Amino acid sequence: MFDIGWPELIIIAVVTIVLVGPQELPSVLRTCTRAVRRMRELMFDFQSGFDDLAREAELDEVRENLSSVPYRNIANKVDEELDLETEFNELNDIVEEDKKPNNSEPEPDKALT
C-alpha cells in the first residue's frame, strides 16, 4: 500500500520536530495516536458491518431453501427409513424370549446350598 522506509520516517520526524517543537511533540504524538486508533476502530466497524450483511444474505438463502421443502415429506421419509415400529417389535420379541426360562441349563444343586 504505502512504501515508507526508514529514510522517509526520519524526514517526517525531523520536519515534525522543527514545525511543532520539542515541547509540544508529546501532545501531537498523542493526538496522532488517537486518530490512528479511531481510524482502525472505524475500519473494524465498517468491515464487521459488511460481514453481518453477508451473513444475513446467506441466512436468507438458507431460509428460502428450507421453506420450499415440505415438512410432511421429510417426516414421512424419516419414518419410512427408520421403520421404528418394526424395530420395536423385534426388540420386544427378543426381550420376551430372554424372559422365558431356558430348560437347557441345569438347575443349581439344592444340596450344595
PDB file of N, CA and C in Angstrom:
ATOM      1  N   MET A   1       0.830  -1.169   0.000  1.00  0.00           N
ATOM      2  CA  MET A   1       0.000   0.000   0.000  1.00  0.00           C
ATOM      3  C   MET A   1       0.886   1.247   0.000  1.00  0.00           C
ATOM      4  N   PHE A   2       1.417   1.632   1.153  1.00  0.00           N
ATOM      5  CA  PHE A   2       2.354   2.748   1.213  1.00  0.00           C
ATOM      6  C   PHE A   2       3.745   2.169   1.344  1.00  0.00           C
ATOM      7  N   ASP A   3       4.656   2.709   0.575  1.00  0.00           N
ATOM      8  CA  ASP A   3       6.028   2.229   0.646  1.00  0.00           C
ATOM      9  C   ASP A   3       6.852   3.268   1.391  1.00  0.00           C
ATOM     10  N   ILE A   4       6.779   3.217   2.721  1.00  0.00           N
ATOM     11  CA  ILE A   4       7.509   4.170   3.557  1.00  0.00           C
ATOM     12  C   ILE A   4       8.623   3.411   4.251  1.00  0.00           C
ATOM     13  N   GLY A   5       9.863   3.845   4.020  1.00  0.00           N
ATOM     14  CA  GLY A   5      11.023   3.221   4.647  1.00  0.00           C
ATOM     15  C   GLY A   5      11.599   4.114   5.724  1.00  0.00           C
ATOM     16  N   TRP A   6      12.780   3.717   6.223  1.00  0.00           N
ATOM     17  CA  TRP A   6      13.431   4.478   7.284  1.00  0.00           C
ATOM     18  C   TRP A   6      13.806   5.897   6.862  1.00  0.00           C
ATOM     19  N   PRO A   7      14.298   6.104   5.675  1.00  0.00           N
ATOM     20  CA  PRO A   7      14.646   7.498   5.295  1.00  0.00           C
ATOM     21  C   PRO A   7      13.426   8.428   5.324  1.00  0.00           C
ATOM     22  N   GLU A   8      12.295   7.942   4.848  1.00  0.00           N
ATOM     23  CA  GLU A   8      11.088   8.768   4.864  1.00  0.00           C
ATOM     24  C   GLU A   8      10.635   9.067   6.291  1.00  0.00           C
ATOM     25  N   LEU A   9      10.700   8.048   7.165  1.00  0.00           N
ATOM     26  CA  LEU A   9      10.315   8.251   8.566  1.00  0.00           C
ATOM     27  C   LEU A   9      11.221   9.271   9.258  1.00  0.00           C
ATOM     28  N   ILE A  10      12.518   9.245   8.977  1.00  0.00           N
ATOM     29  CA  ILE A  10      13.444  10.212   9.575  1.00  0.00           C
ATOM     30  C   ILE A  10      13.125  11.618   9.088  1.00  0.00           C
ATOM     31  N   ILE A  11      12.825  11.767   7.810  1.00  0.00           N
ATOM     32  CA  ILE A  11      12.473  13.086   7.275  1.00  0.00           C
ATOM     33  C   ILE A  11      11.192  13.602   7.943  1.00  0.00           C
ATOM     34  N   ILE A  12      10.175  12.729   8.098  1.00  0.00           N
ATOM     35  CA  ILE A  12       8.922  13.127   8.743  1.00  0.00           C
ATOM     36  C   ILE A  12       9.187  13.528  10.187  1.00  0.00           C
ATOM     37  N   ALA A  13      10.032  12.789  10.911  1.00  0.00           N
ATOM     38  CA  ALA A  13      10.339  13.108  12.312  1.00  0.00           C
ATOM     39  C   ALA A  13      11.049  14.449  12.424  1.00  0.00           C
ATOM     40  N   VAL A  14      12.018  14.719  11.568  1.00  0.00           N
ATOM     41  CA  VAL A  14      12.761  15.988  11.613  1.00  0.00           C
ATOM     42  C   VAL A  14      11.833  17.156  11.309  1.00  0.00           C
ATOM     43  N   VAL A  15      10.985  17.015  10.279  1.00  0.00           N
ATOM     44  CA  VAL A  15      10.071  18.095   9.921  1.00  0.00           C
ATOM     45  C   VAL A  15       9.083  18.342  11.056  1.00  0.00           C
ATOM     46  N   THR A  16       8.600  17.277  11.692  1.00  0.00           N
ATOM     47  CA  THR A  16       7.651  17.417  12.798  1.00  0.00           C
ATOM     48  C   THR A  16       8.311  18.138  13.972  1.00  0.00           C
ATOM     49  N   ILE A  17       9.507  17.772  14.323  1.00  0.00           N
ATOM     50  CA  ILE A  17      10.201  18.430  15.438  1.00  0.00           C
ATOM     51  C   ILE A  17      10.439  19.908  15.132  1.00  0.00           C
ATOM     52  N   VAL A  18      10.812  20.226  13.893  1.00  0.00           N
ATOM     53  CA  VAL A  18      11.072  21.618  13.521  1.00  0.00           C
ATOM     54  C   VAL A  18       9.781  22.430  13.541  1.00  0.00           C
ATOM     55  N   LEU A  19       8.716  21.889  12.987  1.00  0.00           N
ATOM     56  CA  LEU A  19       7.462  22.632  12.905  1.00  0.00           C
ATOM     57  C   LEU A  19       6.748  22.745  14.251  1.00  0.00           C
ATOM     58  N   VAL A  20       6.699  21.673  15.015  1.00  0.00           N
ATOM     59  CA  VAL A  20       5.924  21.640  16.246  1.00  0.00           C
ATOM     60  C   VAL A  20       6.767  22.087  17.443  1.00  0.00           C
ATOM     61  N   GLY A  21       7.971  21.642  17.494  1.00  0.00           N
ATOM     62  CA  GLY A  21       8.829  21.963  18.644  1.00  0.00           C
ATOM     63  C   GLY A  21       8.854  20.805  19.606  1.00  0.00           C
ATOM     64  N   PRO A  22       9.956  20.694  20.337  1.00  0.00           N
ATOM     65  CA  PRO A  22      10.118  19.558  21.241  1.00  0.00           C
ATOM     66  C   PRO A  22       9.130  19.565  22.419  1.00  0.00           C
ATOM     67  N   GLN A  23       8.658  20.740  22.828  1.00  0.00           N
ATOM     68  CA  GLN A  23       7.752  20.798  23.973  1.00  0.00           C
ATOM     69  C   GLN A  23       6.354  20.313  23.622  1.00  0.00           C
ATOM     70  N   GLU A  24       5.895  20.559  22.433  1.00  0.00           N
ATOM     71  CA  GLU A  24       4.544  20.178  22.009  1.00  0.00           C
ATOM     72  C   GLU A  24       4.505  18.787  21.356  1.00  0.00           C
ATOM     73  N   LEU A  25       5.663  18.198  21.144  1.00  0.00           N
ATOM     74  CA  LEU A  25       5.740  16.906  20.452  1.00  0.00           C
ATOM     75  C   LEU A  25       4.951  15.797  21.148  1.00  0.00           C
ATOM     76  N   PRO A  26       5.001  15.630  22.478  1.00  0.00           N
ATOM     77  CA  PRO A  26       4.214  14.558  23.115  1.00  0.00           C
ATOM     78  C   PRO A  26       2.704  14.693  22.890  1.00  0.00           C
ATOM     79  N   SER A  27       2.193  15.907  22.965  1.00  0.00           N
ATOM     80  CA  SER A  27       0.754  16.076  22.743  1.00  0.00           C
ATOM     81  C   SER A  27       0.380  15.812  21.286  1.00  0.00           C
ATOM     82  N   VAL A  28       1.245  16.192  20.351  1.00  0.00           N
ATOM     83  CA  VAL A  28       0.974  15.918  18.933  1.00  0.00           C
ATOM     84  C   VAL A  28       0.984  14.413  18.672  1.00  0.00           C
ATOM     85  N   LEU A  29       1.959  13.720  19.254  1.00  0.00           N
ATOM     86  CA  LEU A  29       2.027  12.261  19.077  1.00  0.00           C
ATOM     87  C   LEU A  29       0.799  11.589  19.690  1.00  0.00           C
ATOM     88  N   ARG A  30       0.364  12.071  20.861  1.00  0.00           N
ATOM     89  CA  ARG A  30      -0.830  11.533  21.495  1.00  0.00           C
ATOM     90  C   ARG A  30      -2.059  11.727  20.601  1.00  0.00           C
ATOM     91  N   THR A  31      -2.175  12.898  20.017  1.00  0.00           N
ATOM     92  CA  THR A  31      -3.303  13.191  19.132  1.00  0.00           C
ATOM     93  C   THR A  31      -3.264  12.307  17.890  1.00  0.00           C
ATOM     94  N   CYS A  32      -2.074  12.138  17.324  1.00  0.00           N
ATOM     95  CA  CYS A  32      -1.940  11.272  16.139  1.00  0.00           C
ATOM     96  C   CYS A  32      -2.269   9.826  16.480  1.00  0.00           C
ATOM     97  N   THR A  33      -1.834   9.371  17.650  1.00  0.00           N
ATOM     98  CA  THR A  33      -2.129   8.002  18.076  1.00  0.00           C
ATOM     99  C   THR A  33      -3.624   7.797  18.239  1.00  0.00           C
ATOM    100  N   ARG A  34      -4.298   8.765  18.848  1.00  0.00           N
ATOM    101  CA  ARG A  34      -5.754   8.674  18.990  1.00  0.00           C
ATOM    102  C   ARG A  34      -6.449   8.644  17.638  1.00  0.00           C
ATOM    103  N   ALA A  35      -5.971   9.455  16.702  1.00  0.00           N
ATOM    104  CA  ALA A  35      -6.584   9.493  15.369  1.00  0.00           C
ATOM    105  C   ALA A  35      -6.404   8.153  14.650  1.00  0.00           C
ATOM    106  N   VAL A  36      -5.214   7.575  14.749  1.00  0.00           N
ATOM    107  CA  VAL A  36      -4.966   6.275  14.107  1.00  0.00           C
ATOM    108  C   VAL A  36      -5.823   5.199  14.754  1.00  0.00           C
ATOM    109  N   ARG A  37      -5.942   5.233  16.093  1.00  0.00           N
ATOM    110  CA  ARG A  37      -6.767   4.257  16.795  1.00  0.00           C
ATOM    111  C   ARG A  37      -8.230   4.385  16.373  1.00  0.00           C
ATOM    112  N   ARG A  38      -8.708   5.613  16.254  1.00  0.00           N
ATOM    113  CA  ARG A  38     -10.103   5.839  15.841  1.00  0.00           C
ATOM    114  C   ARG A  38     -10.334   5.361  14.406  1.00  0.00           C
ATOM    115  N   MET A  39      -9.366   5.585  13.520  1.00  0.00           N
ATOM    116  CA  MET A  39      -9.499   5.106  12.136  1.00  0.00           C
ATOM    117  C   MET A  39      -9.561   3.583  12.094  1.00  0.00           C
ATOM    118  N   ARG A  40      -8.742   2.931  12.926  1.00  0.00           N
ATOM    119  CA  ARG A  40      -8.772   1.465  12.970  1.00  0.00           C
ATOM    120  C   ARG A  40     -10.118   0.966  13.490  1.00  0.00           C
ATOM    121  N   GLU A  41     -10.662   1.626  14.520  1.00  0.00           N
ATOM    122  CA  GLU A  41     -11.979   1.236  15.034  1.00  0.00           C
ATOM    123  C   GLU A  41     -13.055   1.394  13.966  1.00  0.00           C
ATOM    124  N   LEU A  42     -13.006   2.502  13.225  1.00  0.00           N
ATOM    125  CA  LEU A  42     -13.976   2.719  12.152  1.00  0.00           C
ATOM    126  C   LEU A  42     -13.845   1.667  11.057  1.00  0.00           C
ATOM    127  N   MET A  43     -12.594   1.313  10.712  1.00  0.00           N
ATOM    128  CA  MET A  43     -12.391   0.268   9.704  1.00  0.00           C
ATOM    129  C   MET A  43     -12.954  -1.063  10.193  1.00  0.00           C
ATOM    130  N   PHE A  44     -12.742  -1.387  11.469  1.00  0.00           N
ATOM    131  CA  PHE A  44     -13.259  -2.632  12.025  1.00  0.00           C
ATOM    132  C   PHE A  44     -14.785  -2.632  12.014  1.00  0.00           C
ATOM    133  N   ASP A  45     -15.405  -1.529  12.426  1.00  0.00           N
ATOM    134  CA  ASP A  45     -16.866  -1.430  12.408  1.00  0.00           C
ATOM    135  C   ASP A  45     -17.409  -1.570  10.995  1.00  0.00           C
ATOM    136  N   PHE A  46     -16.743  -0.911  10.057  1.00  0.00           N
ATOM    137  CA  PHE A  46     -17.166  -0.977   8.654  1.00  0.00           C
ATOM    138  C   PHE A  46     -17.076  -2.407   8.130  1.00  0.00           C
ATOM    139  N   GLN A  47     -15.967  -3.073   8.432  1.00  0.00           N
ATOM    140  CA  GLN A  47     -15.775  -4.448   7.972  1.00  0.00           C
ATOM    141  C   GLN A  47     -16.759  -5.401   8.645  1.00  0.00           C
ATOM    142  N   SER A  48     -16.994  -5.236   9.942  1.00  0.00           N
ATOM    143  CA  SER A  48     -17.939  -6.117  10.626  1.00  0.00           C
ATOM    144  C   SER A  48     -19.360  -5.888  10.119  1.00  0.00           C
ATOM    145  N   GLY A  49     -19.690  -4.659   9.731  1.00  0.00           N
ATOM    146  CA  GLY A  49     -21.000  -4.381   9.139  1.00  0.00           C
ATOM    147  C   GLY A  49     -21.188  -5.130   7.833  1.00  0.00           C
ATOM    148  N   PHE A  50     -20.145  -5.123   7.001  1.00  0.00           N
ATOM    149  CA  PHE A  50     -20.230  -5.876   5.746  1.00  0.00           C
ATOM    150  C   PHE A  50     -20.300  -7.374   6.001  1.00  0.00           C
ATOM    151  N   ASP A  51     -19.575  -7.855   6.995  1.00  0.00           N
ATOM    152  CA  ASP A  51     -19.638  -9.284   7.332  1.00  0.00           C
ATOM    153  C   ASP A  51     -21.038  -9.666   7.796  1.00  0.00           C
ATOM    154  N   ASP A  52     -21.659  -8.808   8.602  1.00  0.00           N
ATOM    155  CA  ASP A  52     -23.027  -9.072   9.063  1.00  0.00           C
ATOM    156  C   ASP A  52     -24.005  -9.110   7.898  1.00  0.00           C
ATOM    157  N   LEU A  53     -23.842  -8.181   6.956  1.00  0.00           N
ATOM    158  CA  LEU A  53     -24.724  -8.176   5.786  1.00  0.00           C
ATOM    159  C   LEU A  53     -24.558  -9.450   4.962  1.00  0.00           C
ATOM    160  N   ALA A  54     -23.319  -9.879   4.781  1.00  0.00           N
ATOM    161  CA  ALA A  54     -23.074 -11.104   4.009  1.00  0.00           C
ATOM    162  C   ALA A  54     -23.668 -12.306   4.729  1.00  0.00           C
ATOM    163  N   ARG A  55     -23.516 -12.355   6.049  1.00  0.00           N
ATOM    164  CA  ARG A  55     -24.057 -13.465   6.824  1.00  0.00           C
ATOM    165  C   ARG A  55     -25.581 -13.494   6.738  1.00  0.00           C
ATOM    166  N   GLU A  56     -26.214 -12.324   6.822  1.00  0.00           N
ATOM    167  CA  GLU A  56     -27.667 -12.267   6.718  1.00  0.00           C
ATOM    168  C   GLU A  56     -28.144 -12.694   5.333  1.00  0.00           C
ATOM    169  N   ALA A  57     -27.404 -12.306   4.301  1.00  0.00           N
ATOM    170  CA  ALA A  57     -27.787 -12.695   2.942  1.00  0.00           C
ATOM    171  C   ALA A  57     -27.715 -14.207   2.782  1.00  0.00           C
ATOM    172  N   GLU A  58     -26.679 -14.828   3.342  1.00  0.00           N
ATOM    173  CA  GLU A  58     -26.556 -16.277   3.265  1.00  0.00           C
ATOM    174  C   GLU A  58     -27.669 -16.954   4.055  1.00  0.00           C
ATOM    175  N   LEU A  59     -28.012 -16.402   5.218  1.00  0.00           N
ATOM    176  CA  LEU A  59     -29.079 -16.987   6.029  1.00  0.00           C
ATOM    177  C   LEU A  59     -30.424 -16.869   5.320  1.00  0.00           C
ATOM    178  N   ASP A  60     -30.639 -15.764   4.619  1.00  0.00           N
ATOM    179  CA  ASP A  60     -31.891 -15.616   3.882  1.00  0.00           C
ATOM    180  C   ASP A  60     -32.015 -16.684   2.798  1.00  0.00           C
ATOM    181  N   GLU A  61     -30.895 -16.987   2.124  1.00  0.00           N
ATOM    182  CA  GLU A  61     -30.918 -18.033   1.098  1.00  0.00           C
ATOM    183  C   GLU A  61     -31.241 -19.389   1.720  1.00  0.00           C
ATOM    184  N   VAL A  62     -30.654 -19.678   2.869  1.00  0.00           N
ATOM    185  CA  VAL A  62     -30.900 -20.961   3.538  1.00  0.00           C
ATOM    186  C   VAL A  62     -32.358 -21.047   3.983  1.00  0.00           C
ATOM    187  N   ARG A  63     -32.893 -19.944   4.519  1.00  0.00           N
ATOM    188  CA  ARG A  63     -34.299 -19.941   4.936  1.00  0.00           C
ATOM    189  C   ARG A  63     -35.222 -20.195   3.750  1.00  0.00           C
ATOM    190  N   GLU A  64     -34.932 -19.564   2.618  1.00  0.00           N
ATOM    191  CA  GLU A  64     -35.766 -19.781   1.431  1.00  0.00           C
ATOM    192  C   GLU A  64     -35.705 -21.229   0.974  1.00  0.00           C
ATOM    193  N   ASN A  65     -34.515 -21.805   1.001  1.00  0.00           N
ATOM    194  CA  ASN A  65     -34.377 -23.203   0.592  1.00  0.00           C
ATOM    195  C   ASN A  65     -35.137 -24.130   1.535  1.00  0.00           C
ATOM    196  N   LEU A  66     -35.049 -23.870   2.831  1.00  0.00           N
ATOM    197  CA  LEU A  66     -35.749 -24.727   3.790  1.00  0.00           C
ATOM    198  C   LEU A  66     -37.262 -24.546   3.719  1.00  0.00           C
ATOM    199  N   SER A  67     -37.709 -23.333   3.459  1.00  0.00           N
ATOM    200  CA  SER A  67     -39.153 -23.117   3.403  1.00  0.00           C
ATOM    201  C   SER A  67     -39.767 -23.739   2.155  1.00  0.00           C
ATOM    202  N   SER A  68     -38.965 -23.963   1.126  1.00  0.00           N
ATOM    203  CA  SER A  68     -39.500 -24.562  -0.091  1.00  0.00           C
ATOM    204  C   SER A  68     -39.686 -26.077   0.046  1.00  0.00           C
ATOM    205  N   VAL A  69     -39.038 -26.698   1.035  1.00  0.00           N
ATOM    206  CA  VAL A  69     -39.156 -28.144   1.235  1.00  0.00           C
ATOM    207  C   VAL A  69     -40.361 -28.417   2.131  1.00  0.00           C
ATOM    208  N   PRO A  70     -41.303 -29.234   1.670  1.00  0.00           N
ATOM    209  CA  PRO A  70     -42.470 -29.543   2.502  1.00  0.00           C
ATOM    210  C   PRO A  70     -42.062 -30.372   3.718  1.00  0.00           C
ATOM    211  N   TYR A  71     -42.593 -29.996   4.873  1.00  0.00           N
ATOM    212  CA  TYR A  71     -42.239 -30.664   6.129  1.00  0.00           C
ATOM    213  C   TYR A  71     -42.755 -32.095   6.170  1.00  0.00           C
ATOM    214  N   ARG A  72     -43.944 -32.316   5.691  1.00  0.00           N
ATOM    215  CA  ARG A  72     -44.547 -33.649   5.788  1.00  0.00           C
ATOM    216  C   ARG A  72     -43.779 -34.676   4.970  1.00  0.00           C
ATOM    217  N   ASN A  73     -43.261 -34.270   3.842  1.00  0.00           N
ATOM    218  CA  ASN A  73     -42.485 -35.217   3.036  1.00  0.00           C
ATOM    219  C   ASN A  73     -41.235 -35.670   3.796  1.00  0.00           C
ATOM    220  N   ILE A  74     -40.613 -34.760   4.491  1.00  0.00           N
ATOM    221  CA  ILE A  74     -39.411 -35.121   5.242  1.00  0.00           C
ATOM    222  C   ILE A  74     -39.775 -36.076   6.369  1.00  0.00           C
ATOM    223  N   ALA A  75     -40.851 -35.778   7.090  1.00  0.00           N
ATOM    224  CA  ALA A  75     -41.251 -36.636   8.209  1.00  0.00           C
ATOM    225  C   ALA A  75     -41.612 -38.031   7.710  1.00  0.00           C
ATOM    226  N   ASN A  76     -42.319 -38.129   6.593  1.00  0.00           N
ATOM    227  CA  ASN A  76     -42.680 -39.442   6.050  1.00  0.00           C
ATOM    228  C   ASN A  76     -41.453 -40.217   5.621  1.00  0.00           C
ATOM    229  N   LYS A  77     -40.498 -39.539   4.998  1.00  0.00           N
ATOM    230  CA  LYS A  77     -39.280 -40.223   4.565  1.00  0.00           C
ATOM    231  C   LYS A  77     -38.477 -40.733   5.759  1.00  0.00           C
ATOM    232  N   VAL A  78     -38.433 -39.950   6.816  1.00  0.00           N
ATOM    233  CA  VAL A  78     -37.714 -40.390   8.017  1.00  0.00           C
ATOM    234  C   VAL A  78     -38.400 -41.610   8.615  1.00  0.00           C
ATOM    235  N   ASP A  79     -39.730 -41.578   8.692  1.00  0.00           N
ATOM    236  CA  ASP A  79     -40.464 -42.722   9.224  1.00  0.00           C
ATOM    237  C   ASP A  79     -40.248 -43.972   8.381  1.00  0.00           C
ATOM    238  N   GLU A  80     -40.229 -43.801   7.065  1.00  0.00           N
ATOM    239  CA  GLU A  80     -40.017 -44.953   6.181  1.00  0.00           C
ATOM    240  C   GLU A  80     -38.610 -45.518   6.343  1.00  0.00           C
ATOM    241  N   GLU A  81     -37.622 -44.634   6.450  1.00  0.00           N
ATOM    242  CA  GLU A  81     -36.243 -45.097   6.548  1.00  0.00           C
ATOM    243  C   GLU A  81     -35.971 -45.777   7.883  1.00  0.00           C
ATOM    244  N   LEU A  82     -36.492 -45.224   8.946  1.00  0.00           N
ATOM    245  CA  LEU A  82     -36.211 -45.784  10.261  1.00  0.00           C
ATOM    246  C   LEU A  82     -37.057 -47.006  10.574  1.00  0.00           C
ATOM    247  N   ASP A  83     -38.316 -46.991  10.160  1.00  0.00           N
ATOM    248  CA  ASP A  83     -39.245 -48.094  10.409  1.00  0.00           C
ATOM    249  C   ASP A  83     -39.190 -48.501  11.881  1.00  0.00           C
ATOM    250  N   LEU A  84     -39.478 -47.550  12.740  1.00  0.00           N
ATOM    251  CA  LEU A  84     -39.346 -47.738  14.187  1.00  0.00           C
ATOM    252  C   LEU A  84     -40.282 -48.800  14.739  1.00  0.00           C
ATOM    253  N   GLU A  85     -41.452 -48.936  14.171  1.00  0.00           N
ATOM    254  CA  GLU A  85     -42.412 -49.905  14.692  1.00  0.00           C
ATOM    255  C   GLU A  85     -41.872 -51.327  14.540  1.00  0.00           C
ATOM    256  N   THR A  86     -41.305 -51.634  13.393  1.00  0.00           N
ATOM    257  CA  THR A  86     -40.742 -52.964  13.171  1.00  0.00           C
ATOM    258  C   THR A  86     -39.575 -53.210  14.120  1.00  0.00           C
ATOM    259  N   GLU A  87     -38.715 -52.214  14.271  1.00  0.00           N
ATOM    260  CA  GLU A  87     -37.571 -52.358  15.171  1.00  0.00           C
ATOM    261  C   GLU A  87     -38.040 -52.580  16.610  1.00  0.00           C
ATOM    262  N   PHE A  88     -39.064 -51.850  17.020  1.00  0.00           N
ATOM    263  CA  PHE A  88     -39.594 -52.006  18.371  1.00  0.00           C
ATOM    264  C   PHE A  88     -40.155 -53.409  18.575  1.00  0.00           C
ATOM    265  N   ASN A  89     -40.880 -53.913  17.593  1.00  0.00           N
ATOM    266  CA  ASN A  89     -41.442 -55.266  17.702  1.00  0.00           C
ATOM    267  C   ASN A  89     -40.349 -56.319  17.783  1.00  0.00           C
ATOM    268  N   GLU A  90     -39.293 -56.155  16.996  1.00  0.00           N
ATOM    269  CA  GLU A  90     -38.198 -57.120  17.039  1.00  0.00           C
ATOM    270  C   GLU A  90     -37.500 -57.099  18.402  1.00  0.00           C
ATOM    271  N   LEU A  91     -37.264 -55.907  18.928  1.00  0.00           N
ATOM    272  CA  LEU A  91     -36.639 -55.818  20.248  1.00  0.00           C
ATOM    273  C   LEU A  91     -37.545 -56.390  21.334  1.00  0.00           C
ATOM    274  N   ASN A  92     -38.822 -56.164  21.219  1.00  0.00           N
ATOM    275  CA  ASN A  92     -39.780 -56.691  22.193  1.00  0.00           C
ATOM    276  C   ASN A  92     -39.777 -58.214  22.160  1.00  0.00           C
ATOM    277  N   ASP A  93     -39.712 -58.808  20.968  1.00  0.00           N
ATOM    278  CA  ASP A  93     -39.651 -60.267  20.852  1.00  0.00           C
ATOM    279  C   ASP A  93     -38.386 -60.813  21.506  1.00  0.00           C
ATOM    280  N   ILE A  94     -37.281 -60.149  21.324  1.00  0.00           N
ATOM    281  CA  ILE A  94     -36.021 -60.599  21.919  1.00  0.00           C
ATOM    282  C   ILE A  94     -36.107 -60.553  23.435  1.00  0.00           C
ATOM    283  N   VAL A  95     -36.700 -59.490  23.962  1.00  0.00           N
ATOM    284  CA  VAL A  95     -36.838 -59.369  25.417  1.00  0.00           C
ATOM    285  C   VAL A  95     -37.759 -60.455  25.952  1.00  0.00           C
ATOM    286  N   GLU A  96     -38.835 -60.742  25.251  1.00  0.00           N
ATOM    287  CA  GLU A  96     -39.770 -61.787  25.687  1.00  0.00           C
ATOM    288  C   GLU A  96     -39.093 -63.141  25.682  1.00  0.00           C
ATOM    289  N   GLU A  97     -38.242 -63.412  24.691  1.00  0.00           N
ATOM    290  CA  GLU A  97     -37.532 -64.683  24.635  1.00  0.00           C
ATOM    291  C   GLU A  97     -36.559 -64.805  25.796  1.00  0.00           C
ATOM    292  N   ASP A  98     -35.931 -63.704  26.174  1.00  0.00           N
ATOM    293  CA  ASP A  98     -34.992 -63.734  27.292  1.00  0.00           C
ATOM    294  C   ASP A  98     -35.705 -63.965  28.615  1.00  0.00           C
ATOM    295  N   LYS A  99     -36.957 -63.563  28.720  1.00  0.00           N
ATOM    296  CA  LYS A  99     -37.714 -63.737  29.957  1.00  0.00           C
ATOM    297  C   LYS A  99     -38.158 -65.183  30.155  1.00  0.00           C
ATOM    298  N   LYS A 100     -38.314 -65.939  29.072  1.00  0.00           N
ATOM    299  CA  LYS A 100     -38.747 -67.330  29.166  1.00  0.00           C
ATOM    300  C   LYS A 100     -37.647 -68.153  29.825  1.00  0.00           C
ATOM    301  N   PRO A 101     -38.029 -69.107  30.692  1.00  0.00           N
ATOM    302  CA  PRO A 101     -36.994 -69.952  31.319  1.00  0.00           C
ATOM    303  C   PRO A 101     -36.360 -70.862  30.274  1.00  0.00           C
ATOM    304  N   ASN A 102     -35.098 -71.028  30.406  1.00  0.00           N
ATOM    305  CA  ASN A 102     -34.342 -71.849  29.475  1.00  0.00           C
ATOM    306  C   ASN A 102     -34.125 -73.215  30.114  1.00  0.00           C
ATOM    307  N   ASN A 103     -34.640 -74.293  29.525  1.00  0.00           N
ATOM    308  CA  ASN A 103     -34.557 -75.645  30.091  1.00  0.00           C
ATOM    309  C   ASN A 103     -33.223 -76.305  29.816  1.00  0.00           C
ATOM    310  N   SER A 104     -32.437 -75.759  28.948  1.00  0.00           N
ATOM    311  CA  SER A 104     -31.166 -76.391  28.610  1.00  0.00           C
ATOM    312  C   SER A 104     -30.125 -76.244  29.715  1.00  0.00           C
ATOM    313  N   GLU A 105     -30.294 -75.269  30.588  1.00  0.00           N
ATOM    314  CA  GLU A 105     -29.336 -75.081  31.668  1.00  0.00           C
ATOM    315  C   GLU A 105     -29.776 -75.928  32.871  1.00  0.00           C
ATOM    316  N   PRO A 106     -28.853 -76.606  33.489  1.00  0.00           N
ATOM    317  CA  PRO A 106     -29.222 -77.404  34.657  1.00  0.00           C
ATOM    318  C   PRO A 106     -29.537 -76.501  35.845  1.00  0.00           C
ATOM    319  N   GLU A 107     -30.456 -76.957  36.667  1.00  0.00           N
ATOM    320  CA  GLU A 107     -30.815 -76.195  37.849  1.00  0.00           C
ATOM    321  C   GLU A 107     -29.726 -76.373  38.893  1.00  0.00           C
ATOM    322  N   PRO A 108     -29.507 -75.356  39.687  1.00  0.00           N
ATOM    323  CA  PRO A 108     -28.445 -75.483  40.702  1.00  0.00           C
ATOM    324  C   PRO A 108     -28.808 -76.578  41.718  1.00  0.00           C
ATOM    325  N   ASP A 109     -27.800 -77.217  42.209  1.00  0.00           N
ATOM    326  CA  ASP A 109     -27.979 -78.308  43.164  1.00  0.00           C
ATOM    327  C   ASP A 109     -28.392 -77.751  44.508  1.00  0.00           C
ATOM    328  N   LYS A 110     -29.547 -78.195  45.010  1.00  0.00           N
ATOM    329  CA  LYS A 110     -30.037 -77.678  46.276  1.00  0.00           C
ATOM    330  C   LYS A 110     -29.213 -78.221  47.440  1.00  0.00           C
ATOM    331  N   ALA A 111     -28.566 -79.330  47.247  1.00  0.00           N
ATOM    332  CA  ALA A 111     -27.787 -79.926  48.312  1.00  0.00           C
ATOM    333  C   ALA A 111     -26.528 -79.107  48.595  1.00  0.00           C
ATOM    334  N   LEU A 112     -26.044 -78.418  47.613  1.00  0.00           N
ATOM    335  CA  LEU A 112     -24.814 -77.635  47.784  1.00  0.00           C
ATOM    336  C   LEU A 112     -25.058 -76.347  48.555  1.00  0.00           C
ATOM    337  N   THR A 113     -26.313 -75.917  48.621  1.00  0.00           N
ATOM    338  CA  THR A 113     -26.577 -74.655  49.301  1.00  0.00           C
ATOM    339  C   THR A 113     -26.808 -74.776  50.764  1.00  0.00           C
TER     340      THR A 113
END
